[in-house]
Amino acid sequence: ASGDIDILTEQLSAFGSPHIFTEI
């Protein structure tokens, strides 16, 4: 998911522990 991290965490944390993608 792409969007505001705080909102995404609130909405989707029930599906697992998220990690933030950074281009390597």
PDBML (XML) file of the C-alpha atoms, coordinates in Angstrom:
<?xml version="1.0" encoding="UTF-8" ?>
<PDBx:datablock datablockName="MODEL"
   xmlns:PDBx="http://pdbml.pdb.org/schema/pdbx-v50.xsd"
   xmlns:xsi="http://www.w3.org/2001/XMLSchema-instance"
   xsi:schemaLocation="http://pdbml.pdb.org/schema/pdbx-v50.xsd pdbx-v50.xsd">
   <PDBx:atom_siteCategory>
      <PDBx:atom_site id="1">
         <PDBx:B_iso_or_equiv>0.00</PDBx:B_iso_or_equiv>
         <PDBx:Cartn_x>0.000</PDBx:Cartn_x>
         <PDBx:Cartn_y>0.000</PDBx:Cartn_y>
         <PDBx:Cartn_z>0.000</PDBx:Cartn_z>
         <PDBx:auth_asym_id>A</PDBx:auth_asym_id>
         <PDBx:auth_atom_id>CA</PDBx:auth_atom_id>
         <PDBx:auth_comp_id>ALA</PDBx:auth_comp_id>
         <PDBx:auth_seq_id>1</PDBx:auth_seq_id>
         <PDBx:group_PDB>ATOM</PDBx:group_PDB>
         <PDBx:label_alt_id xsi:nil="true" />
         <PDBx:label_asym_id>A</PDBx:label_asym_id>
         <PDBx:label_atom_id>CA</PDBx:label_atom_id>
         <PDBx:label_comp_id>ALA</PDBx:label_comp_id>
         <PDBx:label_entity_id>1</PDBx:label_entity_id>
         <PDBx:label_seq_id>1</PDBx:label_seq_id>
         <PDBx:occupancy>1.00</PDBx:occupancy>
         <PDBx:pdbx_PDB_model_num>1</PDBx:pdbx_PDB_model_num>
         <PDBx:type_symbol>C</PDBx:type_symbol>
      </PDBx:atom_site>
      <PDBx:atom_site id="2">
         <PDBx:B_iso_or_equiv>0.00</PDBx:B_iso_or_equiv>
         <PDBx:Cartn_x>1.139</PDBx:Cartn_x>
         <PDBx:Cartn_y>3.537</PDBx:Cartn_y>
         <PDBx:Cartn_z>-0.750</PDBx:Cartn_z>
         <PDBx:auth_asym_id>A</PDBx:auth_asym_id>
         <PDBx:auth_atom_id>CA</PDBx:auth_atom_id>
         <PDBx:auth_comp_id>SER</PDBx:auth_comp_id>
         <PDBx:auth_seq_id>2</PDBx:auth_seq_id>
         <PDBx:group_PDB>ATOM</PDBx:group_PDB>
         <PDBx:label_alt_id xsi:nil="true" />
         <PDBx:label_asym_id>A</PDBx:label_asym_id>
         <PDBx:label_atom_id>CA</PDBx:label_atom_id>
         <PDBx:label_comp_id>SER</PDBx:label_comp_id>
         <PDBx:label_entity_id>1</PDBx:label_entity_id>
         <PDBx:label_seq_id>2</PDBx:label_seq_id>
         <PDBx:occupancy>1.00</PDBx:occupancy>
         <PDBx:pdbx_PDB_model_num>1</PDBx:pdbx_PDB_model_num>
         <PDBx:type_symbol>C</PDBx:type_symbol>
      </PDBx:atom_site>
      <PDBx:atom_site id="3">
         <PDBx:B_iso_or_equiv>0.00</PDBx:B_iso_or_equiv>
         <PDBx:Cartn_x>-0.193</PDBx:Cartn_x>
         <PDBx:Cartn_y>6.466</PDBx:Cartn_y>
         <PDBx:Cartn_z>1.249</PDBx:Cartn_z>
         <PDBx:auth_asym_id>A</PDBx:auth_asym_id>
         <PDBx:auth_atom_id>CA</PDBx:auth_atom_id>
         <PDBx:auth_comp_id>GLY</PDBx:auth_comp_id>
         <PDBx:auth_seq_id>3</PDBx:auth_seq_id>
         <PDBx:group_PDB>ATOM</PDBx:group_PDB>
         <PDBx:label_alt_id xsi:nil="true" />
         <PDBx:label_asym_id>A</PDBx:label_asym_id>
         <PDBx:label_atom_id>CA</PDBx:label_atom_id>
         <PDBx:label_comp_id>GLY</PDBx:label_comp_id>
         <PDBx:label_entity_id>1</PDBx:label_entity_id>
         <PDBx:label_seq_id>3</PDBx:label_seq_id>
         <PDBx:occupancy>1.00</PDBx:occupancy>
         <PDBx:pdbx_PDB_model_num>1</PDBx:pdbx_PDB_model_num>
         <PDBx:type_symbol>C</PDBx:type_symbol>
      </PDBx:atom_site>
      <PDBx:atom_site id="4">
         <PDBx:B_iso_or_equiv>0.00</PDBx:B_iso_or_equiv>
         <PDBx:Cartn_x>0.105</PDBx:Cartn_x>
         <PDBx:Cartn_y>8.202</PDBx:Cartn_y>
         <PDBx:Cartn_z>4.582</PDBx:Cartn_z>
         <PDBx:auth_asym_id>A</PDBx:auth_asym_id>
         <PDBx:auth_atom_id>CA</PDBx:auth_atom_id>
         <PDBx:auth_comp_id>ASP</PDBx:auth_comp_id>
         <PDBx:auth_seq_id>4</PDBx:auth_seq_id>
         <PDBx:group_PDB>ATOM</PDBx:group_PDB>
         <PDBx:label_alt_id xsi:nil="true" />
         <PDBx:label_asym_id>A</PDBx:label_asym_id>
         <PDBx:label_atom_id>CA</PDBx:label_atom_id>
         <PDBx:label_comp_id>ASP</PDBx:label_comp_id>
         <PDBx:label_entity_id>1</PDBx:label_entity_id>
         <PDBx:label_seq_id>4</PDBx:label_seq_id>
         <PDBx:occupancy>1.00</PDBx:occupancy>
         <PDBx:pdbx_PDB_model_num>1</PDBx:pdbx_PDB_model_num>
         <PDBx:type_symbol>C</PDBx:type_symbol>
      </PDBx:atom_site>
      <PDBx:atom_site id="5">
         <PDBx:B_iso_or_equiv>0.00</PDBx:B_iso_or_equiv>
         <PDBx:Cartn_x>2.045</PDBx:Cartn_x>
         <PDBx:Cartn_y>5.831</PDBx:Cartn_y>
         <PDBx:Cartn_z>6.870</PDBx:Cartn_z>
         <PDBx:auth_asym_id>A</PDBx:auth_asym_id>
         <PDBx:auth_atom_id>CA</PDBx:auth_atom_id>
         <PDBx:auth_comp_id>ILE</PDBx:auth_comp_id>
         <PDBx:auth_seq_id>5</PDBx:auth_seq_id>
         <PDBx:group_PDB>ATOM</PDBx:group_PDB>
         <PDBx:label_alt_id xsi:nil="true" />
         <PDBx:label_asym_id>A</PDBx:label_asym_id>
         <PDBx:label_atom_id>CA</PDBx:label_atom_id>
         <PDBx:label_comp_id>ILE</PDBx:label_comp_id>
         <PDBx:label_entity_id>1</PDBx:label_entity_id>
         <PDBx:label_seq_id>5</PDBx:label_seq_id>
         <PDBx:occupancy>1.00</PDBx:occupancy>
         <PDBx:pdbx_PDB_model_num>1</PDBx:pdbx_PDB_model_num>
         <PDBx:type_symbol>C</PDBx:type_symbol>
      </PDBx:atom_site>
      <PDBx:atom_site id="6">
         <PDBx:B_iso_or_equiv>0.00</PDBx:B_iso_or_equiv>
         <PDBx:Cartn_x>0.032</PDBx:Cartn_x>
         <PDBx:Cartn_y>6.644</PDBx:Cartn_y>
         <PDBx:Cartn_z>10.002</PDBx:Cartn_z>
         <PDBx:auth_asym_id>A</PDBx:auth_asym_id>
         <PDBx:auth_atom_id>CA</PDBx:auth_atom_id>
         <PDBx:auth_comp_id>ASP</PDBx:auth_comp_id>
         <PDBx:auth_seq_id>6</PDBx:auth_seq_id>
         <PDBx:group_PDB>ATOM</PDBx:group_PDB>
         <PDBx:label_alt_id xsi:nil="true" />
         <PDBx:label_asym_id>A</PDBx:label_asym_id>
         <PDBx:label_atom_id>CA</PDBx:label_atom_id>
         <PDBx:label_comp_id>ASP</PDBx:label_comp_id>
         <PDBx:label_entity_id>1</PDBx:label_entity_id>
         <PDBx:label_seq_id>6</PDBx:label_seq_id>
         <PDBx:occupancy>1.00</PDBx:occupancy>
         <PDBx:pdbx_PDB_model_num>1</PDBx:pdbx_PDB_model_num>
         <PDBx:type_symbol>C</PDBx:type_symbol>
      </PDBx:atom_site>
      <PDBx:atom_site id="7">
         <PDBx:B_iso_or_equiv>0.00</PDBx:B_iso_or_equiv>
         <PDBx:Cartn_x>-3.244</PDBx:Cartn_x>
         <PDBx:Cartn_y>5.958</PDBx:Cartn_y>
         <PDBx:Cartn_z>8.216</PDBx:Cartn_z>
         <PDBx:auth_asym_id>A</PDBx:auth_asym_id>
         <PDBx:auth_atom_id>CA</PDBx:auth_atom_id>
         <PDBx:auth_comp_id>ILE</PDBx:auth_comp_id>
         <PDBx:auth_seq_id>7</PDBx:auth_seq_id>
         <PDBx:group_PDB>ATOM</PDBx:group_PDB>
         <PDBx:label_alt_id xsi:nil="true" />
         <PDBx:label_asym_id>A</PDBx:label_asym_id>
         <PDBx:label_atom_id>CA</PDBx:label_atom_id>
         <PDBx:label_comp_id>ILE</PDBx:label_comp_id>
         <PDBx:label_entity_id>1</PDBx:label_entity_id>
         <PDBx:label_seq_id>7</PDBx:label_seq_id>
         <PDBx:occupancy>1.00</PDBx:occupancy>
         <PDBx:pdbx_PDB_model_num>1</PDBx:pdbx_PDB_model_num>
         <PDBx:type_symbol>C</PDBx:type_symbol>
      </PDBx:atom_site>
      <PDBx:atom_site id="8">
         <PDBx:B_iso_or_equiv>0.00</PDBx:B_iso_or_equiv>
         <PDBx:Cartn_x>-1.937</PDBx:Cartn_x>
         <PDBx:Cartn_y>2.788</PDBx:Cartn_y>
         <PDBx:Cartn_z>6.587</PDBx:Cartn_z>
         <PDBx:auth_asym_id>A</PDBx:auth_asym_id>
         <PDBx:auth_atom_id>CA</PDBx:auth_atom_id>
         <PDBx:auth_comp_id>LEU</PDBx:auth_comp_id>
         <PDBx:auth_seq_id>8</PDBx:auth_seq_id>
         <PDBx:group_PDB>ATOM</PDBx:group_PDB>
         <PDBx:label_alt_id xsi:nil="true" />
         <PDBx:label_asym_id>A</PDBx:label_asym_id>
         <PDBx:label_atom_id>CA</PDBx:label_atom_id>
         <PDBx:label_comp_id>LEU</PDBx:label_comp_id>
         <PDBx:label_entity_id>1</PDBx:label_entity_id>
         <PDBx:label_seq_id>8</PDBx:label_seq_id>
         <PDBx:occupancy>1.00</PDBx:occupancy>
         <PDBx:pdbx_PDB_model_num>1</PDBx:pdbx_PDB_model_num>
         <PDBx:type_symbol>C</PDBx:type_symbol>
      </PDBx:atom_site>
      <PDBx:atom_site id="9">
         <PDBx:B_iso_or_equiv>0.00</PDBx:B_iso_or_equiv>
         <PDBx:Cartn_x>-0.697</PDBx:Cartn_x>
         <PDBx:Cartn_y>1.502</PDBx:Cartn_y>
         <PDBx:Cartn_z>9.949</PDBx:Cartn_z>
         <PDBx:auth_asym_id>A</PDBx:auth_asym_id>
         <PDBx:auth_atom_id>CA</PDBx:auth_atom_id>
         <PDBx:auth_comp_id>THR</PDBx:auth_comp_id>
         <PDBx:auth_seq_id>9</PDBx:auth_seq_id>
         <PDBx:group_PDB>ATOM</PDBx:group_PDB>
         <PDBx:label_alt_id xsi:nil="true" />
         <PDBx:label_asym_id>A</PDBx:label_asym_id>
         <PDBx:label_atom_id>CA</PDBx:label_atom_id>
         <PDBx:label_comp_id>THR</PDBx:label_comp_id>
         <PDBx:label_entity_id>1</PDBx:label_entity_id>
         <PDBx:label_seq_id>9</PDBx:label_seq_id>
         <PDBx:occupancy>1.00</PDBx:occupancy>
         <PDBx:pdbx_PDB_model_num>1</PDBx:pdbx_PDB_model_num>
         <PDBx:type_symbol>C</PDBx:type_symbol>
      </PDBx:atom_site>
      <PDBx:atom_site id="10">
         <PDBx:B_iso_or_equiv>0.00</PDBx:B_iso_or_equiv>
         <PDBx:Cartn_x>-4.056</PDBx:Cartn_x>
         <PDBx:Cartn_y>2.167</PDBx:Cartn_y>
         <PDBx:Cartn_z>11.554</PDBx:Cartn_z>
         <PDBx:auth_asym_id>A</PDBx:auth_asym_id>
         <PDBx:auth_atom_id>CA</PDBx:auth_atom_id>
         <PDBx:auth_comp_id>GLU</PDBx:auth_comp_id>
         <PDBx:auth_seq_id>10</PDBx:auth_seq_id>
         <PDBx:group_PDB>ATOM</PDBx:group_PDB>
         <PDBx:label_alt_id xsi:nil="true" />
         <PDBx:label_asym_id>A</PDBx:label_asym_id>
         <PDBx:label_atom_id>CA</PDBx:label_atom_id>
         <PDBx:label_comp_id>GLU</PDBx:label_comp_id>
         <PDBx:label_entity_id>1</PDBx:label_entity_id>
         <PDBx:label_seq_id>10</PDBx:label_seq_id>
         <PDBx:occupancy>1.00</PDBx:occupancy>
         <PDBx:pdbx_PDB_model_num>1</PDBx:pdbx_PDB_model_num>
         <PDBx:type_symbol>C</PDBx:type_symbol>
      </PDBx:atom_site>
      <PDBx:atom_site id="11">
         <PDBx:B_iso_or_equiv>0.00</PDBx:B_iso_or_equiv>
         <PDBx:Cartn_x>-5.980</PDBx:Cartn_x>
         <PDBx:Cartn_y>0.553</PDBx:Cartn_y>
         <PDBx:Cartn_z>8.711</PDBx:Cartn_z>
         <PDBx:auth_asym_id>A</PDBx:auth_asym_id>
         <PDBx:auth_atom_id>CA</PDBx:auth_atom_id>
         <PDBx:auth_comp_id>GLN</PDBx:auth_comp_id>
         <PDBx:auth_seq_id>11</PDBx:auth_seq_id>
         <PDBx:group_PDB>ATOM</PDBx:group_PDB>
         <PDBx:label_alt_id xsi:nil="true" />
         <PDBx:label_asym_id>A</PDBx:label_asym_id>
         <PDBx:label_atom_id>CA</PDBx:label_atom_id>
         <PDBx:label_comp_id>GLN</PDBx:label_comp_id>
         <PDBx:label_entity_id>1</PDBx:label_entity_id>
         <PDBx:label_seq_id>11</PDBx:label_seq_id>
         <PDBx:occupancy>1.00</PDBx:occupancy>
         <PDBx:pdbx_PDB_model_num>1</PDBx:pdbx_PDB_model_num>
         <PDBx:type_symbol>C</PDBx:type_symbol>
      </PDBx:atom_site>
      <PDBx:atom_site id="12">
         <PDBx:B_iso_or_equiv>0.00</PDBx:B_iso_or_equiv>
         <PDBx:Cartn_x>-3.797</PDBx:Cartn_x>
         <PDBx:Cartn_y>-2.447</PDBx:Cartn_y>
         <PDBx:Cartn_z>7.840</PDBx:Cartn_z>
         <PDBx:auth_asym_id>A</PDBx:auth_asym_id>
         <PDBx:auth_atom_id>CA</PDBx:auth_atom_id>
         <PDBx:auth_comp_id>LEU</PDBx:auth_comp_id>
         <PDBx:auth_seq_id>12</PDBx:auth_seq_id>
         <PDBx:group_PDB>ATOM</PDBx:group_PDB>
         <PDBx:label_alt_id xsi:nil="true" />
         <PDBx:label_asym_id>A</PDBx:label_asym_id>
         <PDBx:label_atom_id>CA</PDBx:label_atom_id>
         <PDBx:label_comp_id>LEU</PDBx:label_comp_id>
         <PDBx:label_entity_id>1</PDBx:label_entity_id>
         <PDBx:label_seq_id>12</PDBx:label_seq_id>
         <PDBx:occupancy>1.00</PDBx:occupancy>
         <PDBx:pdbx_PDB_model_num>1</PDBx:pdbx_PDB_model_num>
         <PDBx:type_symbol>C</PDBx:type_symbol>
      </PDBx:atom_site>
      <PDBx:atom_site id="13">
         <PDBx:B_iso_or_equiv>0.00</PDBx:B_iso_or_equiv>
         <PDBx:Cartn_x>-1.797</PDBx:Cartn_x>
         <PDBx:Cartn_y>-3.534</PDBx:Cartn_y>
         <PDBx:Cartn_z>10.895</PDBx:Cartn_z>
         <PDBx:auth_asym_id>A</PDBx:auth_asym_id>
         <PDBx:auth_atom_id>CA</PDBx:auth_atom_id>
         <PDBx:auth_comp_id>SER</PDBx:auth_comp_id>
         <PDBx:auth_seq_id>13</PDBx:auth_seq_id>
         <PDBx:group_PDB>ATOM</PDBx:group_PDB>
         <PDBx:label_alt_id xsi:nil="true" />
         <PDBx:label_asym_id>A</PDBx:label_asym_id>
         <PDBx:label_atom_id>CA</PDBx:label_atom_id>
         <PDBx:label_comp_id>SER</PDBx:label_comp_id>
         <PDBx:label_entity_id>1</PDBx:label_entity_id>
         <PDBx:label_seq_id>13</PDBx:label_seq_id>
         <PDBx:occupancy>1.00</PDBx:occupancy>
         <PDBx:pdbx_PDB_model_num>1</PDBx:pdbx_PDB_model_num>
         <PDBx:type_symbol>C</PDBx:type_symbol>
      </PDBx:atom_site>
      <PDBx:atom_site id="14">
         <PDBx:B_iso_or_equiv>0.00</PDBx:B_iso_or_equiv>
         <PDBx:Cartn_x>-4.320</PDBx:Cartn_x>
         <PDBx:Cartn_y>-6.329</PDBx:Cartn_y>
         <PDBx:Cartn_z>11.432</PDBx:Cartn_z>
         <PDBx:auth_asym_id>A</PDBx:auth_asym_id>
         <PDBx:auth_atom_id>CA</PDBx:auth_atom_id>
         <PDBx:auth_comp_id>ALA</PDBx:auth_comp_id>
         <PDBx:auth_seq_id>14</PDBx:auth_seq_id>
         <PDBx:group_PDB>ATOM</PDBx:group_PDB>
         <PDBx:label_alt_id xsi:nil="true" />
         <PDBx:label_asym_id>A</PDBx:label_asym_id>
         <PDBx:label_atom_id>CA</PDBx:label_atom_id>
         <PDBx:label_comp_id>ALA</PDBx:label_comp_id>
         <PDBx:label_entity_id>1</PDBx:label_entity_id>
         <PDBx:label_seq_id>14</PDBx:label_seq_id>
         <PDBx:occupancy>1.00</PDBx:occupancy>
         <PDBx:pdbx_PDB_model_num>1</PDBx:pdbx_PDB_model_num>
         <PDBx:type_symbol>C</PDBx:type_symbol>
      </PDBx:atom_site>
      <PDBx:atom_site id="15">
         <PDBx:B_iso_or_equiv>0.00</PDBx:B_iso_or_equiv>
         <PDBx:Cartn_x>-2.797</PDBx:Cartn_x>
         <PDBx:Cartn_y>-8.073</PDBx:Cartn_y>
         <PDBx:Cartn_z>8.393</PDBx:Cartn_z>
         <PDBx:auth_asym_id>A</PDBx:auth_asym_id>
         <PDBx:auth_atom_id>CA</PDBx:auth_atom_id>
         <PDBx:auth_comp_id>PHE</PDBx:auth_comp_id>
         <PDBx:auth_seq_id>15</PDBx:auth_seq_id>
         <PDBx:group_PDB>ATOM</PDBx:group_PDB>
         <PDBx:label_alt_id xsi:nil="true" />
         <PDBx:label_asym_id>A</PDBx:label_asym_id>
         <PDBx:label_atom_id>CA</PDBx:label_atom_id>
         <PDBx:label_comp_id>PHE</PDBx:label_comp_id>
         <PDBx:label_entity_id>1</PDBx:label_entity_id>
         <PDBx:label_seq_id>15</PDBx:label_seq_id>
         <PDBx:occupancy>1.00</PDBx:occupancy>
         <PDBx:pdbx_PDB_model_num>1</PDBx:pdbx_PDB_model_num>
         <PDBx:type_symbol>C</PDBx:type_symbol>
      </PDBx:atom_site>
      <PDBx:atom_site id="16">
         <PDBx:B_iso_or_equiv>0.00</PDBx:B_iso_or_equiv>
         <PDBx:Cartn_x>0.728</PDBx:Cartn_x>
         <PDBx:Cartn_y>-8.252</PDBx:Cartn_y>
         <PDBx:Cartn_z>9.825</PDBx:Cartn_z>
         <PDBx:auth_asym_id>A</PDBx:auth_asym_id>
         <PDBx:auth_atom_id>CA</PDBx:auth_atom_id>
         <PDBx:auth_comp_id>GLY</PDBx:auth_comp_id>
         <PDBx:auth_seq_id>16</PDBx:auth_seq_id>
         <PDBx:group_PDB>ATOM</PDBx:group_PDB>
         <PDBx:label_alt_id xsi:nil="true" />
         <PDBx:label_asym_id>A</PDBx:label_asym_id>
         <PDBx:label_atom_id>CA</PDBx:label_atom_id>
         <PDBx:label_comp_id>GLY</PDBx:label_comp_id>
         <PDBx:label_entity_id>1</PDBx:label_entity_id>
         <PDBx:label_seq_id>16</PDBx:label_seq_id>
         <PDBx:occupancy>1.00</PDBx:occupancy>
         <PDBx:pdbx_PDB_model_num>1</PDBx:pdbx_PDB_model_num>
         <PDBx:type_symbol>C</PDBx:type_symbol>
      </PDBx:atom_site>
      <PDBx:atom_site id="17">
         <PDBx:B_iso_or_equiv>0.00</PDBx:B_iso_or_equiv>
         <PDBx:Cartn_x>3.722</PDBx:Cartn_x>
         <PDBx:Cartn_y>-6.230</PDBx:Cartn_y>
         <PDBx:Cartn_z>10.913</PDBx:Cartn_z>
         <PDBx:auth_asym_id>A</PDBx:auth_asym_id>
         <PDBx:auth_atom_id>CA</PDBx:auth_atom_id>
         <PDBx:auth_comp_id>SER</PDBx:auth_comp_id>
         <PDBx:auth_seq_id>17</PDBx:auth_seq_id>
         <PDBx:group_PDB>ATOM</PDBx:group_PDB>
         <PDBx:label_alt_id xsi:nil="true" />
         <PDBx:label_asym_id>A</PDBx:label_asym_id>
         <PDBx:label_atom_id>CA</PDBx:label_atom_id>
         <PDBx:label_comp_id>SER</PDBx:label_comp_id>
         <PDBx:label_entity_id>1</PDBx:label_entity_id>
         <PDBx:label_seq_id>17</PDBx:label_seq_id>
         <PDBx:occupancy>1.00</PDBx:occupancy>
         <PDBx:pdbx_PDB_model_num>1</PDBx:pdbx_PDB_model_num>
         <PDBx:type_symbol>C</PDBx:type_symbol>
      </PDBx:atom_site>
      <PDBx:atom_site id="18">
         <PDBx:B_iso_or_equiv>0.00</PDBx:B_iso_or_equiv>
         <PDBx:Cartn_x>4.434</PDBx:Cartn_x>
         <PDBx:Cartn_y>-3.766</PDBx:Cartn_y>
         <PDBx:Cartn_z>8.099</PDBx:Cartn_z>
         <PDBx:auth_asym_id>A</PDBx:auth_asym_id>
         <PDBx:auth_atom_id>CA</PDBx:auth_atom_id>
         <PDBx:auth_comp_id>PRO</PDBx:auth_comp_id>
         <PDBx:auth_seq_id>18</PDBx:auth_seq_id>
         <PDBx:group_PDB>ATOM</PDBx:group_PDB>
         <PDBx:label_alt_id xsi:nil="true" />
         <PDBx:label_asym_id>A</PDBx:label_asym_id>
         <PDBx:label_atom_id>CA</PDBx:label_atom_id>
         <PDBx:label_comp_id>PRO</PDBx:label_comp_id>
         <PDBx:label_entity_id>1</PDBx:label_entity_id>
         <PDBx:label_seq_id>18</PDBx:label_seq_id>
         <PDBx:occupancy>1.00</PDBx:occupancy>
         <PDBx:pdbx_PDB_model_num>1</PDBx:pdbx_PDB_model_num>
         <PDBx:type_symbol>C</PDBx:type_symbol>
      </PDBx:atom_site>
      <PDBx:atom_site id="19">
         <PDBx:B_iso_or_equiv>0.00</PDBx:B_iso_or_equiv>
         <PDBx:Cartn_x>7.827</PDBx:Cartn_x>
         <PDBx:Cartn_y>-2.775</PDBx:Cartn_y>
         <PDBx:Cartn_z>6.802</PDBx:Cartn_z>
         <PDBx:auth_asym_id>A</PDBx:auth_asym_id>
         <PDBx:auth_atom_id>CA</PDBx:auth_atom_id>
         <PDBx:auth_comp_id>HIS</PDBx:auth_comp_id>
         <PDBx:auth_seq_id>19</PDBx:auth_seq_id>
         <PDBx:group_PDB>ATOM</PDBx:group_PDB>
         <PDBx:label_alt_id xsi:nil="true" />
         <PDBx:label_asym_id>A</PDBx:label_asym_id>
         <PDBx:label_atom_id>CA</PDBx:label_atom_id>
         <PDBx:label_comp_id>HIS</PDBx:label_comp_id>
         <PDBx:label_entity_id>1</PDBx:label_entity_id>
         <PDBx:label_seq_id>19</PDBx:label_seq_id>
         <PDBx:occupancy>1.00</PDBx:occupancy>
         <PDBx:pdbx_PDB_model_num>1</PDBx:pdbx_PDB_model_num>
         <PDBx:type_symbol>C</PDBx:type_symbol>
      </PDBx:atom_site>
      <PDBx:atom_site id="20">
         <PDBx:B_iso_or_equiv>0.00</PDBx:B_iso_or_equiv>
         <PDBx:Cartn_x>8.519</PDBx:Cartn_x>
         <PDBx:Cartn_y>0.450</PDBx:Cartn_y>
         <PDBx:Cartn_z>4.928</PDBx:Cartn_z>
         <PDBx:auth_asym_id>A</PDBx:auth_asym_id>
         <PDBx:auth_atom_id>CA</PDBx:auth_atom_id>
         <PDBx:auth_comp_id>ILE</PDBx:auth_comp_id>
         <PDBx:auth_seq_id>20</PDBx:auth_seq_id>
         <PDBx:group_PDB>ATOM</PDBx:group_PDB>
         <PDBx:label_alt_id xsi:nil="true" />
         <PDBx:label_asym_id>A</PDBx:label_asym_id>
         <PDBx:label_atom_id>CA</PDBx:label_atom_id>
         <PDBx:label_comp_id>ILE</PDBx:label_comp_id>
         <PDBx:label_entity_id>1</PDBx:label_entity_id>
         <PDBx:label_seq_id>20</PDBx:label_seq_id>
         <PDBx:occupancy>1.00</PDBx:occupancy>
         <PDBx:pdbx_PDB_model_num>1</PDBx:pdbx_PDB_model_num>
         <PDBx:type_symbol>C</PDBx:type_symbol>
      </PDBx:atom_site>
      <PDBx:atom_site id="21">
         <PDBx:B_iso_or_equiv>0.00</PDBx:B_iso_or_equiv>
         <PDBx:Cartn_x>9.880</PDBx:Cartn_x>
         <PDBx:Cartn_y>-0.079</PDBx:Cartn_y>
         <PDBx:Cartn_z>1.440</PDBx:Cartn_z>
         <PDBx:auth_asym_id>A</PDBx:auth_asym_id>
         <PDBx:auth_atom_id>CA</PDBx:auth_atom_id>
         <PDBx:auth_comp_id>PHE</PDBx:auth_comp_id>
         <PDBx:auth_seq_id>21</PDBx:auth_seq_id>
         <PDBx:group_PDB>ATOM</PDBx:group_PDB>
         <PDBx:label_alt_id xsi:nil="true" />
         <PDBx:label_asym_id>A</PDBx:label_asym_id>
         <PDBx:label_atom_id>CA</PDBx:label_atom_id>
         <PDBx:label_comp_id>PHE</PDBx:label_comp_id>
         <PDBx:label_entity_id>1</PDBx:label_entity_id>
         <PDBx:label_seq_id>21</PDBx:label_seq_id>
         <PDBx:occupancy>1.00</PDBx:occupancy>
         <PDBx:pdbx_PDB_model_num>1</PDBx:pdbx_PDB_model_num>
         <PDBx:type_symbol>C</PDBx:type_symbol>
      </PDBx:atom_site>
      <PDBx:atom_site id="22">
         <PDBx:B_iso_or_equiv>0.00</PDBx:B_iso_or_equiv>
         <PDBx:Cartn_x>12.937</PDBx:Cartn_x>
         <PDBx:Cartn_y>1.908</PDBx:Cartn_y>
         <PDBx:Cartn_z>0.425</PDBx:Cartn_z>
         <PDBx:auth_asym_id>A</PDBx:auth_asym_id>
         <PDBx:auth_atom_id>CA</PDBx:auth_atom_id>
         <PDBx:auth_comp_id>THR</PDBx:auth_comp_id>
         <PDBx:auth_seq_id>22</PDBx:auth_seq_id>
         <PDBx:group_PDB>ATOM</PDBx:group_PDB>
         <PDBx:label_alt_id xsi:nil="true" />
         <PDBx:label_asym_id>A</PDBx:label_asym_id>
         <PDBx:label_atom_id>CA</PDBx:label_atom_id>
         <PDBx:label_comp_id>THR</PDBx:label_comp_id>
         <PDBx:label_entity_id>1</PDBx:label_entity_id>
         <PDBx:label_seq_id>22</PDBx:label_seq_id>
         <PDBx:occupancy>1.00</PDBx:occupancy>
         <PDBx:pdbx_PDB_model_num>1</PDBx:pdbx_PDB_model_num>
         <PDBx:type_symbol>C</PDBx:type_symbol>
      </PDBx:atom_site>
      <PDBx:atom_site id="23">
         <PDBx:B_iso_or_equiv>0.00</PDBx:B_iso_or_equiv>
         <PDBx:Cartn_x>14.592</PDBx:Cartn_x>
         <PDBx:Cartn_y>1.697</PDBx:Cartn_y>
         <PDBx:Cartn_z>-2.976</PDBx:Cartn_z>
         <PDBx:auth_asym_id>A</PDBx:auth_asym_id>
         <PDBx:auth_atom_id>CA</PDBx:auth_atom_id>
         <PDBx:auth_comp_id>GLU</PDBx:auth_comp_id>
         <PDBx:auth_seq_id>23</PDBx:auth_seq_id>
         <PDBx:group_PDB>ATOM</PDBx:group_PDB>
         <PDBx:label_alt_id xsi:nil="true" />
         <PDBx:label_asym_id>A</PDBx:label_asym_id>
         <PDBx:label_atom_id>CA</PDBx:label_atom_id>
         <PDBx:label_comp_id>GLU</PDBx:label_comp_id>
         <PDBx:label_entity_id>1</PDBx:label_entity_id>
         <PDBx:label_seq_id>23</PDBx:label_seq_id>
         <PDBx:occupancy>1.00</PDBx:occupancy>
         <PDBx:pdbx_PDB_model_num>1</PDBx:pdbx_PDB_model_num>
         <PDBx:type_symbol>C</PDBx:type_symbol>
      </PDBx:atom_site>
      <PDBx:atom_site id="24">
         <PDBx:B_iso_or_equiv>0.00</PDBx:B_iso_or_equiv>
         <PDBx:Cartn_x>18.029</PDBx:Cartn_x>
         <PDBx:Cartn_y>0.128</PDBx:Cartn_y>
         <PDBx:Cartn_z>-2.670</PDBx:Cartn_z>
         <PDBx:auth_asym_id>A</PDBx:auth_asym_id>
         <PDBx:auth_atom_id>CA</PDBx:auth_atom_id>
         <PDBx:auth_comp_id>ILE</PDBx:auth_comp_id>
         <PDBx:auth_seq_id>24</PDBx:auth_seq_id>
         <PDBx:group_PDB>ATOM</PDBx:group_PDB>
         <PDBx:label_alt_id xsi:nil="true" />
         <PDBx:label_asym_id>A</PDBx:label_asym_id>
         <PDBx:label_atom_id>CA</PDBx:label_atom_id>
         <PDBx:label_comp_id>ILE</PDBx:label_comp_id>
         <PDBx:label_entity_id>1</PDBx:label_entity_id>
         <PDBx:label_seq_id>24</PDBx:label_seq_id>
         <PDBx:occupancy>1.00</PDBx:occupancy>
         <PDBx:pdbx_PDB_model_num>1</PDBx:pdbx_PDB_model_num>
         <PDBx:type_symbol>C</PDBx:type_symbol>
      </PDBx:atom_site>
   </PDBx:atom_siteCategory>
</PDBx:datablock>
